[in-house]
Amino acid sequence: MLLKFFKNKSRMLMWALLGITGLSLAGVSPAEAADIDNATFVANNIWMMVSTFLVFIMHLGFATLEAGLTRSKNTVNILFKNVMIIAIGLLTYTLMGFNLMYPGDAWIAGKWLGFAGFGISSPEGAAGLIEYADGGYTYWTDFLFQGMFAATAATIVSGAVCERIKLHSFLIFSVIFVGLVYPWLGSWKWGAGWLDDKGFYDFAGSTLVHSVGGWGALASAILLGPRLGKYVKGNVNAIPGHSMPLATIGVFLLWLGWFGFNGGSVLSADPALTSYVLVTTCLAAAAGIVGAMIASEIFQKKPDLSMVLNGSLAGLVGITAGADVVSVIAAIIIGLIAGFIVVLSVIFIDSKLKIDDPVGAISVHLVCGIWGTLAVGIFSPDHSVGTQLLGVIAYGAVAFPAAFIIMGALKATIGIRVSEKEEYQGLDIGEHGMEAYDGFQIFTTT
């Protein structure tokens, strides 16, 4: 109704809207502006910018969740890494990542690898306009929205390796993984690459973002090894986080950010489709909470808040691949199953595989990302499980070895693990020479 209202009113109302929002059609020539509906263009651009802001907030959510689920003596280190990840993601995406992910016609090796050149600039002749059938938005908005996704892959890895990784080793890994691996793999689908040609579907990144980051987390956690005191004489020792309130705040911030993560992936302000995507997203998250609570009651005998928090994230990750193409009932089922399996996965990875993942990042992002990707083929009549499985295998076959090679090379050269003394004392003091909570530092052997 809002768009219809604007379409039927005079240009005076149009310019009033522009004055209120502080936006303009700068960079779009009069001829191009005449070819599209001005009101739709402005509405799309505003929504995409709002979505960008929401995805940005997710980084605060990741930071507080990770800090809350780990020990107080490592809080500064965790916050520092999450701040640096944003800088690394945006700068590498500017330098090369954006043009690796969206090479246009500049494919180097079939549709497996393409690169449109270094740096970013408005496409020649487009004057900053990204054109879509429903009106489009600016090139700069498109870049910033996509750039916010880029850092997420490294953020996922951060959670799995926290409390024992060297800061500079992690930052070097992030530069290479986010700057080269993530956008290259992203081009296979979102850049109109070979998987896109085969019909593989991933609406907002259950595989392209979350599973890619999850594969990186798995490889890194294996090479890094567990925290001191985690596995002793065959026993699995729990190492509780220091602040469940912080962790809970982080999850709510992430849920809020997912309104932009999935809602913005509609790539327009289409009122019907955007609203529908937000509904399926929220229902999957809610169902994920219920699924995790049930699994926690069954396998842990009492409801575990950390599991329930991860259950909501599991539901969000699970629905991200098909939020626009599955039914409401399917979204609930996807979220419910994701919430259930994330608990099983955390327990299995921790107690059976003996892989130390302090925040459950591998289970949430890799395991549930795979589930959500396959669920598109199960619940959407227009997509096949076989094609979805092909995509899952292809991404795993490259993302895991790539992360393993990068982290393995760092391990063999500059090292990736802090000393035992630094780990016992805490990375805040060892790596940064400061504390998150003044006077609260406790030297501990766990």
Protein backbone atom coordinates (compact mmCIF):
# COMPACT_ATOMS: atom_id res chain seq x y z
CA MET A 1 0.00 0.00 0.00
CA LEU A 2 2.85 2.39 0.81
CA LEU A 3 4.49 1.92 -2.58
CA LYS A 4 1.15 2.31 -4.35
CA PHE A 5 0.58 5.53 -2.42
CA PHE A 6 3.87 6.97 -3.56
CA LYS A 7 3.35 5.88 -7.16
CA ASN A 8 0.05 7.76 -7.39
CA LYS A 9 1.19 11.01 -5.77
CA SER A 10 2.93 13.99 -7.25
CA ARG A 11 6.65 14.62 -7.60
CA MET A 12 6.35 17.07 -4.70
CA LEU A 13 5.67 14.21 -2.33
CA MET A 14 8.55 12.30 -3.87
CA TRP A 15 11.03 15.07 -3.16
CA ALA A 16 9.59 15.52 0.32
CA LEU A 17 10.42 11.88 1.01
CA LEU A 18 13.96 12.44 -0.26
CA GLY A 19 14.36 15.46 1.99
CA ILE A 20 13.18 13.57 5.07
CA THR A 21 15.43 10.58 4.51
CA GLY A 22 18.45 12.67 3.59
CA LEU A 23 18.92 10.59 0.46
CA SER A 24 19.17 11.56 -3.17
CA LEU A 25 19.44 9.91 -6.52
CA ALA A 26 23.03 11.14 -6.86
CA GLY A 27 24.92 9.22 -9.49
CA VAL A 28 21.83 8.28 -11.51
CA SER A 29 21.42 10.20 -14.74
CA PRO A 30 18.04 11.81 -15.59
CA ALA A 31 17.59 9.35 -18.45
CA GLU A 32 18.13 6.36 -16.19
CA ALA A 33 15.97 7.81 -13.43
CA ALA A 34 13.18 8.21 -15.95
CA ASP A 35 13.35 4.51 -16.79
CA ILE A 36 12.59 3.33 -13.28
CA ASP A 37 10.00 4.18 -10.71
CA ASN A 38 11.63 6.74 -8.43
CA ALA A 39 9.65 5.79 -5.35
CA THR A 40 10.43 2.10 -5.73
CA PHE A 41 14.09 2.87 -6.23
CA VAL A 42 14.23 4.96 -3.07
CA ALA A 43 12.29 2.40 -1.04
CA ASN A 44 14.61 -0.39 -2.21
CA ASN A 45 17.71 1.63 -1.45
CA ILE A 46 16.49 2.60 2.02
CA TRP A 47 15.60 -1.00 2.88
CA MET A 48 18.95 -2.30 1.65
CA MET A 49 20.79 0.28 3.76
CA VAL A 50 18.70 -0.57 6.81
CA SER A 51 19.50 -4.24 6.18
CA THR A 52 23.17 -3.34 6.01
CA PHE A 53 22.93 -1.66 9.42
CA LEU A 54 21.22 -4.75 10.85
CA VAL A 55 23.89 -7.11 9.51
CA PHE A 56 26.52 -4.81 11.01
CA ILE A 57 24.84 -5.21 14.42
CA MET A 58 25.37 -8.97 14.10
CA HIS A 59 29.08 -8.44 14.70
CA LEU A 60 28.28 -7.00 18.12
CA GLY A 61 26.12 -10.06 18.69
CA PHE A 62 28.95 -12.41 17.76
CA ALA A 63 31.33 -10.51 20.03
CA THR A 64 29.09 -10.58 23.11
CA LEU A 65 28.02 -14.19 22.55
CA GLU A 66 31.61 -15.38 22.19
CA ALA A 67 32.77 -13.33 25.17
CA GLY A 68 29.92 -14.57 27.36
CA LEU A 69 30.52 -18.25 26.57
CA THR A 70 34.23 -18.05 27.42
CA ARG A 71 36.26 -17.09 30.48
CA SER A 72 36.64 -13.52 31.68
CA LYS A 73 40.43 -13.63 31.32
CA ASN A 74 40.07 -13.78 27.51
CA THR A 75 37.40 -11.11 27.00
CA VAL A 76 39.62 -8.32 25.67
CA ASN A 77 41.19 -10.74 23.19
CA ILE A 78 37.81 -11.87 21.92
CA LEU A 79 36.49 -8.33 21.56
CA PHE A 80 39.71 -7.26 19.82
CA LYS A 81 39.43 -10.07 17.26
CA ASN A 82 35.81 -9.24 16.51
CA VAL A 83 36.65 -5.58 15.95
CA MET A 84 39.55 -6.48 13.65
CA ILE A 85 37.40 -8.93 11.68
CA ILE A 86 35.13 -6.11 10.53
CA ALA A 87 38.11 -4.09 9.33
CA ILE A 88 39.66 -7.08 7.58
CA GLY A 89 36.39 -8.06 5.94
CA LEU A 90 35.61 -4.61 4.54
CA LEU A 91 39.13 -3.78 3.39
CA THR A 92 39.83 -7.12 1.68
CA TYR A 93 36.36 -7.02 0.11
CA THR A 94 37.18 -3.58 -1.26
CA LEU A 95 40.60 -4.59 -2.54
CA MET A 96 39.61 -7.82 -4.28
CA GLY A 97 36.78 -9.76 -2.62
CA PHE A 98 33.83 -8.01 -4.25
CA ASN A 99 35.24 -8.52 -7.73
CA LEU A 100 36.13 -12.13 -6.97
CA MET A 101 32.59 -12.88 -5.85
CA TYR A 102 30.93 -10.90 -8.66
CA PRO A 103 33.28 -11.14 -11.66
CA GLY A 104 30.60 -10.37 -14.24
CA ASP A 105 31.97 -11.55 -17.58
CA ALA A 106 35.57 -11.67 -16.33
CA TRP A 107 35.76 -15.44 -15.83
CA ILE A 108 39.31 -16.78 -15.95
CA ALA A 109 38.70 -20.53 -15.74
CA GLY A 110 35.23 -21.30 -17.02
CA LYS A 111 32.75 -20.42 -14.31
CA TRP A 112 35.00 -21.76 -11.56
CA LEU A 113 37.12 -18.67 -11.05
CA GLY A 114 36.66 -15.07 -12.13
CA PHE A 115 38.11 -11.69 -11.21
CA ALA A 116 36.94 -8.29 -12.40
CA GLY A 117 39.99 -6.39 -11.14
CA PHE A 118 41.26 -4.69 -8.00
CA GLY A 119 39.31 -2.03 -6.15
CA ILE A 120 35.71 -0.92 -6.51
CA SER A 121 34.05 1.71 -8.70
CA SER A 122 30.65 2.22 -10.23
CA PRO A 123 30.15 0.09 -13.34
CA GLU A 124 30.87 2.20 -16.38
CA GLY A 125 27.67 3.57 -17.87
CA ALA A 126 25.53 2.55 -14.90
CA ALA A 127 26.29 5.69 -12.85
CA GLY A 128 25.99 3.82 -9.59
CA LEU A 129 22.71 2.01 -10.28
CA ILE A 130 22.26 -1.71 -9.78
CA GLU A 131 19.25 -2.60 -11.90
CA TYR A 132 16.73 -5.23 -10.94
CA ALA A 133 13.30 -5.90 -12.37
CA ASP A 134 11.65 -4.31 -9.36
CA GLY A 135 13.56 -1.02 -9.37
CA GLY A 136 17.11 -1.59 -8.14
CA TYR A 137 19.36 0.34 -5.76
CA THR A 138 22.82 1.88 -5.85
CA TYR A 139 26.08 0.06 -6.53
CA TRP A 140 27.51 1.47 -3.30
CA THR A 141 24.65 0.09 -1.22
CA ASP A 142 25.11 -3.28 -2.89
CA PHE A 143 28.83 -3.31 -2.08
CA LEU A 144 28.35 -2.35 1.56
CA PHE A 145 25.58 -4.90 2.13
CA GLN A 146 27.64 -7.71 0.60
CA GLY A 147 30.75 -6.53 2.44
CA MET A 148 29.01 -6.98 5.79
CA PHE A 149 28.54 -10.66 4.94
CA ALA A 150 32.23 -11.15 4.17
CA ALA A 151 33.53 -10.73 7.72
CA THR A 152 31.03 -13.26 9.09
CA ALA A 153 33.01 -16.24 7.81
CA ALA A 154 36.02 -15.26 9.93
CA THR A 155 33.80 -14.46 12.91
CA ILE A 156 32.55 -18.06 12.87
CA VAL A 157 36.14 -19.32 12.99
CA SER A 158 36.93 -16.98 15.87
CA GLY A 159 34.45 -18.72 18.17
CA ALA A 160 35.89 -22.17 17.57
CA VAL A 161 39.52 -21.20 18.23
CA CYS A 162 39.13 -18.72 21.06
CA GLU A 163 41.06 -18.83 24.33
CA ARG A 164 44.24 -20.34 22.88
CA ILE A 165 45.09 -18.96 19.42
CA LYS A 166 47.77 -16.37 18.75
CA LEU A 167 46.23 -13.06 17.78
CA HIS A 168 48.45 -12.32 14.77
CA SER A 169 48.12 -15.84 13.41
CA PHE A 170 44.35 -15.53 13.53
CA LEU A 171 44.43 -12.15 11.81
CA ILE A 172 46.65 -13.44 9.00
CA PHE A 173 44.34 -16.43 8.55
CA SER A 174 41.33 -14.08 8.41
CA VAL A 175 42.91 -11.89 5.72
CA ILE A 176 43.54 -14.88 3.44
CA PHE A 177 40.32 -16.78 4.19
CA VAL A 178 38.02 -13.76 3.94
CA GLY A 179 39.94 -12.01 1.19
CA LEU A 180 40.37 -14.98 -1.15
CA VAL A 181 38.57 -18.19 -0.17
CA TYR A 182 35.14 -16.86 0.84
CA PRO A 183 34.54 -14.62 -2.21
CA TRP A 184 35.91 -17.19 -4.64
CA LEU A 185 33.54 -19.86 -3.34
CA GLY A 186 30.72 -17.32 -3.20
CA SER A 187 31.11 -16.67 -6.91
CA TRP A 188 30.08 -20.24 -7.67
CA LYS A 189 26.50 -19.36 -6.75
CA TRP A 190 26.00 -15.64 -6.11
CA GLY A 191 28.38 -14.60 -8.87
CA ALA A 192 26.47 -16.66 -11.46
CA GLY A 193 29.12 -19.40 -11.45
CA TRP A 194 28.98 -23.10 -12.22
CA LEU A 195 26.79 -24.11 -9.25
CA ASP A 196 24.29 -21.42 -10.12
CA ASP A 197 24.09 -22.86 -13.63
CA LYS A 198 23.33 -26.28 -12.15
CA GLY A 199 20.41 -24.92 -10.11
CA PHE A 200 22.02 -24.98 -6.66
CA TYR A 201 20.07 -22.70 -4.32
CA ASP A 202 21.24 -20.80 -1.27
CA PHE A 203 19.09 -17.73 -0.65
CA ALA A 204 21.16 -15.95 2.02
CA GLY A 205 24.08 -18.21 2.84
CA SER A 206 23.44 -21.36 4.88
CA THR A 207 26.31 -22.82 2.87
CA LEU A 208 28.02 -19.84 1.23
CA VAL A 209 28.49 -17.98 4.53
CA HIS A 210 27.80 -20.31 7.44
CA SER A 211 29.10 -23.65 6.19
CA VAL A 212 32.15 -22.04 4.60
CA GLY A 213 32.93 -20.43 7.95
CA GLY A 214 32.09 -23.70 9.69
CA TRP A 215 34.54 -25.67 7.55
CA GLY A 216 37.18 -23.10 8.40
CA ALA A 217 36.32 -23.44 12.09
CA LEU A 218 36.57 -27.23 11.97
CA ALA A 219 39.97 -27.26 10.25
CA SER A 220 41.34 -24.60 12.59
CA ALA A 221 40.09 -26.26 15.79
CA ILE A 222 41.62 -29.60 14.75
CA LEU A 223 45.03 -28.05 14.06
CA LEU A 224 44.97 -25.88 17.16
CA GLY A 225 44.01 -28.59 19.60
CA PRO A 226 41.88 -28.31 22.76
CA ARG A 227 42.27 -25.81 25.59
CA LEU A 228 44.43 -26.88 28.51
CA GLY A 229 42.41 -28.92 30.97
CA LYS A 230 39.61 -29.69 28.54
CA TYR A 231 40.42 -33.38 28.03
CA VAL A 232 42.33 -35.07 30.85
CA LYS A 233 42.86 -38.83 31.12
CA GLY A 234 39.88 -39.54 28.89
CA ASN A 235 37.56 -37.24 30.82
CA VAL A 236 35.74 -34.32 29.21
CA ASN A 237 35.86 -31.31 31.52
CA ALA A 238 33.36 -28.54 31.06
CA ILE A 239 34.86 -25.04 30.93
CA PRO A 240 31.92 -22.70 31.60
CA GLY A 241 31.71 -19.21 30.19
CA HIS A 242 31.82 -16.25 32.53
CA SER A 243 28.60 -14.43 31.58
CA MET A 244 25.38 -16.01 30.39
CA PRO A 245 23.72 -12.56 30.35
CA LEU A 246 26.30 -11.41 27.77
CA ALA A 247 25.73 -14.57 25.74
CA THR A 248 21.96 -14.06 25.82
CA ILE A 249 22.28 -10.43 24.73
CA GLY A 250 24.50 -11.62 21.88
CA VAL A 251 21.89 -14.07 20.63
CA PHE A 252 19.14 -11.44 20.67
CA LEU A 253 21.40 -9.07 18.73
CA LEU A 254 22.10 -11.81 16.19
CA TRP A 255 18.40 -12.57 15.83
CA LEU A 256 17.75 -8.87 15.26
CA GLY A 257 20.54 -8.74 12.70
CA TRP A 258 19.05 -11.70 10.84
CA PHE A 259 16.12 -9.46 9.85
CA GLY A 260 18.66 -7.71 7.63
CA PHE A 261 20.68 -10.81 6.78
CA ASN A 262 17.70 -12.67 5.33
CA GLY A 263 15.32 -9.79 4.74
CA GLY A 264 17.93 -7.81 2.84
CA SER A 265 18.73 -10.83 0.69
CA VAL A 266 15.41 -10.28 -1.08
CA LEU A 267 17.40 -7.45 -2.71
CA SER A 268 14.40 -5.16 -2.76
CA ALA A 269 11.72 -3.68 -0.53
CA ASP A 270 9.11 -5.99 -2.04
CA PRO A 271 6.54 -5.83 0.78
CA ALA A 272 5.10 -9.31 0.30
CA LEU A 273 8.31 -11.30 -0.19
CA THR A 274 10.33 -9.41 2.44
CA SER A 275 7.61 -9.87 5.04
CA TYR A 276 7.31 -13.55 4.20
CA VAL A 277 11.06 -14.08 4.55
CA LEU A 278 11.01 -12.41 7.97
CA VAL A 279 8.14 -14.66 9.06
CA THR A 280 9.88 -17.90 8.04
CA THR A 281 13.11 -16.65 9.61
CA CYS A 282 11.52 -15.87 12.97
CA LEU A 283 9.48 -19.07 13.07
CA ALA A 284 12.57 -21.18 12.38
CA ALA A 285 14.43 -19.45 15.20
CA ALA A 286 11.54 -19.99 17.60
CA ALA A 287 11.26 -23.64 16.61
CA GLY A 288 15.03 -24.01 17.02
CA ILE A 289 14.71 -22.92 20.64
CA VAL A 290 12.03 -25.54 21.26
CA GLY A 291 14.01 -28.26 19.48
CA ALA A 292 17.13 -27.49 21.51
CA MET A 293 15.17 -27.45 24.76
CA ILE A 294 13.68 -30.88 24.02
CA ALA A 295 17.08 -32.34 23.08
CA SER A 296 18.71 -30.80 26.15
CA GLU A 297 16.02 -32.26 28.43
CA ILE A 298 16.50 -35.70 26.85
CA PHE A 299 20.29 -35.88 26.71
CA GLN A 300 21.38 -33.56 29.51
CA LYS A 301 18.42 -34.20 31.83
CA LYS A 302 18.00 -30.46 32.45
CA PRO A 303 17.39 -27.54 30.08
CA ASP A 304 20.74 -25.91 29.27
CA LEU A 305 20.55 -22.18 28.48
CA SER A 306 23.66 -22.26 26.28
CA MET A 307 22.09 -25.06 24.22
CA VAL A 308 18.82 -23.17 23.88
CA LEU A 309 20.68 -20.05 22.77
CA ASN A 310 22.50 -22.09 20.15
CA GLY A 311 19.17 -23.64 19.21
CA SER A 312 17.83 -20.26 18.14
CA LEU A 313 20.95 -19.65 16.05
CA ALA A 314 20.70 -23.16 14.61
CA GLY A 315 17.16 -22.41 13.44
CA LEU A 316 18.30 -19.13 11.90
CA VAL A 317 21.22 -20.76 10.09
CA GLY A 318 19.00 -23.62 8.94
CA ILE A 319 16.34 -21.39 7.37
CA THR A 320 18.80 -19.03 5.70
CA ALA A 321 19.17 -21.16 2.55
CA GLY A 322 15.46 -21.38 1.77
CA ALA A 323 13.67 -18.63 3.67
CA ASP A 324 11.95 -17.41 0.50
CA VAL A 325 10.99 -20.75 -1.04
CA VAL A 326 9.73 -23.00 1.77
CA SER A 327 6.32 -22.95 3.43
CA VAL A 328 5.59 -21.68 6.93
CA ILE A 329 5.16 -25.25 8.21
CA ALA A 330 8.40 -26.28 6.53
CA ALA A 331 10.21 -23.37 8.18
CA ILE A 332 9.03 -24.54 11.60
CA ILE A 333 10.14 -28.12 10.86
CA ILE A 334 13.52 -26.93 9.59
CA GLY A 335 14.08 -24.86 12.72
CA LEU A 336 12.86 -27.61 15.05
CA ILE A 337 15.20 -30.18 13.54
CA ALA A 338 18.11 -27.72 13.50
CA GLY A 339 17.59 -26.99 17.19
CA PHE A 340 17.51 -30.68 18.00
CA ILE A 341 20.55 -31.67 15.97
CA VAL A 342 22.70 -28.78 17.21
CA VAL A 343 22.55 -30.25 20.72
CA LEU A 344 23.47 -33.71 19.44
CA SER A 345 26.27 -32.23 17.36
CA VAL A 346 27.76 -30.23 20.24
CA ILE A 347 27.77 -33.31 22.46
CA PHE A 348 29.19 -35.58 19.74
CA ILE A 349 31.96 -33.18 18.66
CA ASP A 350 32.91 -32.45 22.26
CA SER A 351 32.75 -35.89 23.86
CA LYS A 352 33.32 -38.28 20.95
CA LEU A 353 35.53 -36.45 18.46
CA LYS A 354 37.33 -34.54 21.25
CA ILE A 355 37.35 -31.34 19.20
CA ASP A 356 37.23 -28.32 21.50
CA ASP A 357 34.78 -25.72 20.21
CA PRO A 358 34.09 -23.31 23.10
CA VAL A 359 30.96 -21.72 21.62
CA GLY A 360 29.57 -24.54 19.45
CA ALA A 361 30.35 -22.69 16.22
CA ILE A 362 30.99 -25.84 14.21
CA SER A 363 27.65 -27.33 15.20
CA VAL A 364 25.64 -24.16 14.66
CA HIS A 365 27.16 -22.97 11.41
CA LEU A 366 28.55 -26.05 9.67
CA VAL A 367 26.18 -28.82 10.72
CA CYS A 368 23.02 -26.71 10.64
CA GLY A 369 24.19 -24.91 7.51
CA ILE A 370 24.40 -28.28 5.76
CA TRP A 371 20.99 -29.26 7.10
CA GLY A 372 19.40 -26.01 5.95
CA THR A 373 20.90 -26.34 2.47
CA LEU A 374 19.62 -29.88 2.05
CA ALA A 375 16.23 -28.85 3.47
CA VAL A 376 15.69 -26.61 0.43
CA GLY A 377 15.66 -29.73 -1.74
CA ILE A 378 13.41 -31.56 0.71
CA PHE A 379 10.77 -28.86 1.21
CA SER A 380 10.86 -26.80 -1.99
CA PRO A 381 9.30 -28.47 -5.06
CA ASP A 382 11.47 -26.37 -7.39
CA HIS A 383 14.78 -27.67 -6.07
CA SER A 384 16.34 -31.11 -5.80
CA VAL A 385 18.16 -32.73 -2.90
CA GLY A 386 20.76 -34.05 -5.35
CA THR A 387 21.73 -30.59 -6.56
CA GLN A 388 21.78 -29.23 -3.02
CA LEU A 389 23.97 -32.13 -1.93
CA LEU A 390 26.34 -31.41 -4.82
CA GLY A 391 26.74 -27.87 -3.54
CA VAL A 392 27.35 -29.02 0.03
CA ILE A 393 30.04 -31.46 -1.11
CA ALA A 394 31.68 -28.96 -3.46
CA TYR A 395 31.97 -26.27 -0.80
CA GLY A 396 33.25 -28.72 1.79
CA ALA A 397 35.78 -30.19 -0.65
CA VAL A 398 37.40 -26.78 -1.09
CA ALA A 399 36.69 -24.77 2.09
CA PHE A 400 38.00 -27.37 4.54
CA PRO A 401 41.31 -28.11 2.73
CA ALA A 402 41.85 -24.41 2.04
CA ALA A 403 41.43 -23.52 5.72
CA PHE A 404 43.57 -26.50 6.75
CA ILE A 405 46.38 -25.45 4.41
CA ILE A 406 46.31 -21.81 5.51
CA MET A 407 46.23 -22.60 9.23
CA GLY A 408 48.68 -25.49 8.77
CA ALA A 409 51.18 -23.19 7.05
CA LEU A 410 50.87 -20.68 9.89
CA LYS A 411 51.37 -23.47 12.42
CA ALA A 412 54.53 -24.63 10.67
CA THR A 413 56.01 -21.12 10.42
CA ILE A 414 55.02 -18.54 13.03
CA GLY A 415 52.96 -20.88 15.21
CA ILE A 416 49.27 -20.61 16.02
CA ARG A 417 49.07 -21.37 19.73
CA VAL A 418 49.97 -19.20 22.70
CA SER A 419 52.27 -20.56 25.40
CA GLU A 420 50.90 -22.55 28.33
CA LYS A 421 51.71 -19.66 30.64
CA GLU A 422 49.74 -17.20 28.50
CA GLU A 423 46.82 -19.60 28.25
CA TYR A 424 46.70 -20.12 32.00
CA GLN A 425 47.07 -16.44 32.70
CA GLY A 426 44.64 -15.40 30.01
CA LEU A 427 45.09 -13.88 26.57
CA ASP A 428 43.99 -10.46 27.80
CA ILE A 429 47.24 -10.09 29.75
CA GLY A 430 49.43 -12.22 27.47
CA GLU A 431 48.39 -10.71 24.13
CA HIS A 432 47.14 -7.24 25.10
CA GLY A 433 48.51 -6.34 28.52
CA MET A 434 45.11 -5.29 29.82
CA GLU A 435 42.00 -6.71 31.47
CA ALA A 436 38.32 -6.45 30.57
CA TYR A 437 37.36 -6.31 34.23
CA ASP A 438 39.86 -4.33 36.27
CA GLY A 439 40.97 -6.18 39.39
CA PHE A 440 38.93 -9.25 38.43
CA GLN A 441 41.70 -11.27 36.80
CA ILE A 442 42.26 -14.69 38.38
CA PHE A 443 45.28 -16.79 37.52
CA THR A 444 43.83 -20.23 37.00
CA THR A 445 44.92 -23.61 35.74
CA THR A 446 41.64 -24.24 33.92
